[in-house]
Amino acid sequence: MNAVTGLGVIENAGPNHLRGFLKRQAVSAKGLDIAVAFVTQAGLAELLPTLKRASTRGLVRLLTGLYQCFTEPKALRVLLAEQRATGGRLSVRISPDERFHWKAYFLLGARKAVAVIGSSNMTSEGLTRPGELNVVFSLGRNSAAFKAVHRPFEDAWGEGRPLDRDLLLRYATARPKDVRAR
């Protein structure tokens, strides 16, 4: 396996938060692959401009889940609209795994890839508040190490259900109104 070319930690302490890191790194990314258990409207608002800009340079794929009904229907509505507005260059799928709980962000360059794997969901808290821990590593895009760490995303993406109006409506209707209080 090829060596990691860079290693770091993001713990959302002080200026070292995931939101800022993703915004800085996405400027030069040719694509983004994101897999997070939870997406909230506030968390999406933190990153949506970055995701939209990145989708003008390459494909942005977001895989999320409906575990514990925490993902907000409002956030999915925004993502569905952006998926349409970008002609699918910002593409969203829902994991069929009822316990999908990943937190992985892949920033893809022509030769290099940066992976962030840890505890941060796409929520305001996950992106900016202390209490999260994420490991960041850079790898050659064509390296065996990158392929090994990225393969689970590709597999899960292939199994995901495309976000569409019907799926969103079924979820929004079935989701308890006050999920955070549970």
Protein backbone atom coordinates (compact mmCIF):
# COMPACT_ATOMS: atom_id res chain seq x y z
CA MET A 1 0.00 0.00 0.00
CA ASN A 2 1.30 3.47 -0.86
CA ALA A 3 2.20 5.83 1.96
CA VAL A 4 0.06 8.67 3.16
CA THR A 5 1.56 11.94 1.93
CA GLY A 6 0.02 14.12 4.64
CA LEU A 7 -1.75 13.55 7.93
CA GLY A 8 -3.68 15.87 10.23
CA VAL A 9 -6.48 16.18 12.74
CA ILE A 10 -9.54 18.44 12.84
CA GLU A 11 -11.18 18.74 16.23
CA ASN A 12 -13.37 21.81 15.71
CA ALA A 13 -11.40 23.78 18.29
CA GLY A 14 -10.70 27.44 17.59
CA PRO A 15 -10.02 28.05 13.92
CA ASN A 16 -9.42 24.31 13.30
CA HIS A 17 -12.94 23.35 12.22
CA LEU A 18 -14.19 21.12 9.45
CA ARG A 19 -16.32 23.78 7.74
CA GLY A 20 -13.29 26.02 7.12
CA PHE A 21 -11.10 23.13 6.07
CA LEU A 22 -13.64 21.88 3.52
CA LYS A 23 -14.20 25.38 2.11
CA ARG A 24 -10.45 25.91 1.64
CA GLN A 25 -9.77 22.48 0.16
CA ALA A 26 -12.81 22.45 -2.13
CA VAL A 27 -11.53 25.50 -4.03
CA SER A 28 -9.14 23.30 -6.01
CA ALA A 29 -11.07 20.02 -5.91
CA LYS A 30 -12.15 18.43 -9.17
CA GLY A 31 -14.88 16.53 -7.35
CA LEU A 32 -16.28 15.76 -3.91
CA ASP A 33 -17.64 12.54 -2.48
CA ILE A 34 -19.38 12.89 0.87
CA ALA A 35 -20.99 10.21 3.02
CA VAL A 36 -22.66 11.38 6.22
CA ALA A 37 -25.34 9.87 8.42
CA PHE A 38 -27.09 13.17 9.10
CA VAL A 39 -27.75 16.33 7.09
CA THR A 40 -29.54 19.27 8.66
CA GLN A 41 -30.68 22.49 7.07
CA ALA A 42 -28.22 24.52 9.18
CA GLY A 43 -25.30 22.21 8.32
CA LEU A 44 -26.16 22.24 4.63
CA ALA A 45 -26.34 26.04 4.68
CA GLU A 46 -22.73 26.05 5.98
CA LEU A 47 -21.51 24.14 2.90
CA LEU A 48 -24.03 24.57 0.09
CA PRO A 49 -22.25 27.45 -1.67
CA THR A 50 -19.03 25.40 -1.57
CA LEU A 51 -20.78 22.32 -2.96
CA LYS A 52 -22.42 24.32 -5.74
CA ARG A 53 -19.10 25.90 -6.77
CA ALA A 54 -17.38 22.52 -6.72
CA SER A 55 -20.13 21.10 -8.94
CA THR A 56 -19.09 23.54 -11.68
CA ARG A 57 -15.66 21.83 -11.81
CA GLY A 58 -16.65 18.22 -11.26
CA LEU A 59 -19.16 15.83 -9.82
CA VAL A 60 -20.29 16.30 -6.21
CA ARG A 61 -21.85 13.16 -4.76
CA LEU A 62 -23.55 13.19 -1.38
CA LEU A 63 -24.65 9.95 0.23
CA THR A 64 -26.71 10.23 3.39
CA GLY A 65 -28.97 8.11 5.49
CA LEU A 66 -32.25 8.22 7.32
CA TYR A 67 -30.93 6.59 10.52
CA GLN A 68 -32.91 7.64 13.59
CA CYS A 69 -34.85 10.01 11.28
CA PHE A 70 -32.33 12.75 12.11
CA THR A 71 -31.70 13.98 8.56
CA GLU A 72 -34.05 16.90 8.02
CA PRO A 73 -36.59 16.82 5.18
CA LYS A 74 -35.98 20.57 4.65
CA ALA A 75 -32.32 19.83 3.92
CA LEU A 76 -33.29 17.06 1.50
CA ARG A 77 -35.71 19.44 -0.27
CA VAL A 78 -32.88 21.93 -0.79
CA LEU A 79 -30.59 19.16 -2.05
CA LEU A 80 -33.26 17.87 -4.43
CA ALA A 81 -33.68 21.38 -5.86
CA GLU A 82 -29.91 21.79 -6.25
CA GLN A 83 -29.64 18.37 -7.83
CA ARG A 84 -32.12 19.52 -10.48
CA ALA A 85 -30.56 22.99 -10.84
CA THR A 86 -27.08 21.52 -11.46
CA GLY A 87 -28.31 18.92 -13.91
CA GLY A 88 -27.18 16.18 -11.52
CA ARG A 89 -23.62 17.50 -11.09
CA LEU A 90 -24.56 17.75 -7.42
CA SER A 91 -26.08 14.32 -6.95
CA VAL A 92 -27.70 12.86 -3.83
CA ARG A 93 -28.43 9.28 -2.87
CA ILE A 94 -29.95 7.74 0.23
CA SER A 95 -28.32 4.68 1.76
CA PRO A 96 -30.63 1.68 2.05
CA ASP A 97 -28.77 0.72 5.25
CA GLU A 98 -31.17 1.58 8.09
CA ARG A 99 -28.18 2.12 10.41
CA PHE A 100 -25.99 4.08 7.97
CA HIS A 101 -23.73 6.14 10.22
CA TRP A 102 -20.70 7.18 8.15
CA LYS A 103 -18.85 10.47 8.25
CA ALA A 104 -16.41 10.67 5.33
CA TYR A 105 -15.46 13.53 3.04
CA PHE A 106 -13.30 12.95 -0.06
CA LEU A 107 -11.88 15.94 -1.94
CA LEU A 108 -10.69 14.71 -5.30
CA GLY A 109 -7.95 16.33 -7.33
CA ALA A 110 -6.36 15.27 -10.58
CA ARG A 111 -3.39 13.61 -8.84
CA LYS A 112 -4.14 13.90 -5.13
CA ALA A 113 -7.08 13.08 -2.90
CA VAL A 114 -7.75 14.33 0.59
CA ALA A 115 -9.90 12.17 2.86
CA VAL A 116 -11.49 13.31 6.10
CA ILE A 117 -12.89 10.49 8.18
CA GLY A 118 -14.17 10.95 11.70
CA SER A 119 -17.22 11.99 13.68
CA SER A 120 -18.56 15.08 11.87
CA ASN A 121 -21.95 14.93 10.21
CA MET A 122 -23.21 17.67 7.91
CA THR A 123 -24.78 19.54 10.79
CA SER A 124 -23.80 22.93 12.11
CA GLU A 125 -22.51 21.25 15.26
CA GLY A 126 -20.57 18.62 13.33
CA LEU A 127 -18.90 21.18 11.10
CA THR A 128 -18.03 23.87 13.63
CA ARG A 129 -18.38 22.90 17.28
CA PRO A 130 -15.91 21.18 19.62
CA GLY A 131 -16.52 17.55 20.48
CA GLU A 132 -15.74 16.17 17.02
CA LEU A 133 -12.59 14.41 15.91
CA ASN A 134 -11.64 13.86 12.28
CA VAL A 135 -8.48 12.44 10.77
CA VAL A 136 -7.30 14.04 7.54
CA PHE A 137 -4.94 12.33 5.15
CA SER A 138 -3.70 13.00 1.65
CA LEU A 139 -3.05 10.22 -0.82
CA GLY A 140 -2.14 9.86 -4.45
CA ARG A 141 -5.41 9.66 -6.39
CA ASN A 142 -4.27 6.51 -8.20
CA SER A 143 -2.62 4.88 -5.19
CA ALA A 144 -3.67 1.52 -3.80
CA ALA A 145 -4.22 3.20 -0.42
CA PHE A 146 -6.71 5.70 -1.86
CA LYS A 147 -8.52 3.01 -3.78
CA ALA A 148 -8.81 0.93 -0.60
CA VAL A 149 -10.21 3.78 1.50
CA HIS A 150 -12.52 5.08 -1.26
CA ARG A 151 -13.87 1.69 -2.42
CA PRO A 152 -16.47 1.46 0.39
CA PHE A 153 -17.88 4.81 -0.75
CA GLU A 154 -18.14 3.60 -4.36
CA ASP A 155 -19.88 0.42 -3.22
CA ALA A 156 -22.32 2.28 -0.95
CA TRP A 157 -22.99 4.87 -3.67
CA GLY A 158 -23.86 2.07 -6.09
CA GLU A 159 -26.37 0.67 -3.61
CA GLY A 160 -27.89 4.06 -2.75
CA ARG A 161 -31.32 5.16 -3.89
CA PRO A 162 -31.37 8.39 -5.90
CA LEU A 163 -33.05 11.20 -4.00
CA ASP A 164 -36.33 11.99 -5.71
CA ARG A 165 -39.60 13.67 -4.85
CA ASP A 166 -41.39 10.43 -3.92
CA LEU A 167 -38.66 9.22 -1.56
CA LEU A 168 -38.54 12.65 0.09
CA LEU A 169 -42.32 12.79 0.50
CA ARG A 170 -42.49 9.30 2.05
CA TYR A 171 -39.70 10.17 4.48
CA ALA A 172 -41.11 13.58 5.44
CA THR A 173 -44.54 12.07 6.07
CA ALA A 174 -43.25 9.15 8.18
CA ARG A 175 -40.64 11.14 10.17
CA PRO A 176 -41.64 12.12 13.73
CA LYS A 177 -42.06 15.88 14.07
CA ASP A 178 -39.69 16.36 17.02
CA VAL A 179 -36.76 14.04 16.42
CA ARG A 180 -34.28 15.86 18.69
CA ALA A 181 -36.52 15.42 21.74
CA ARG A 182 -36.42 11.60 21.45
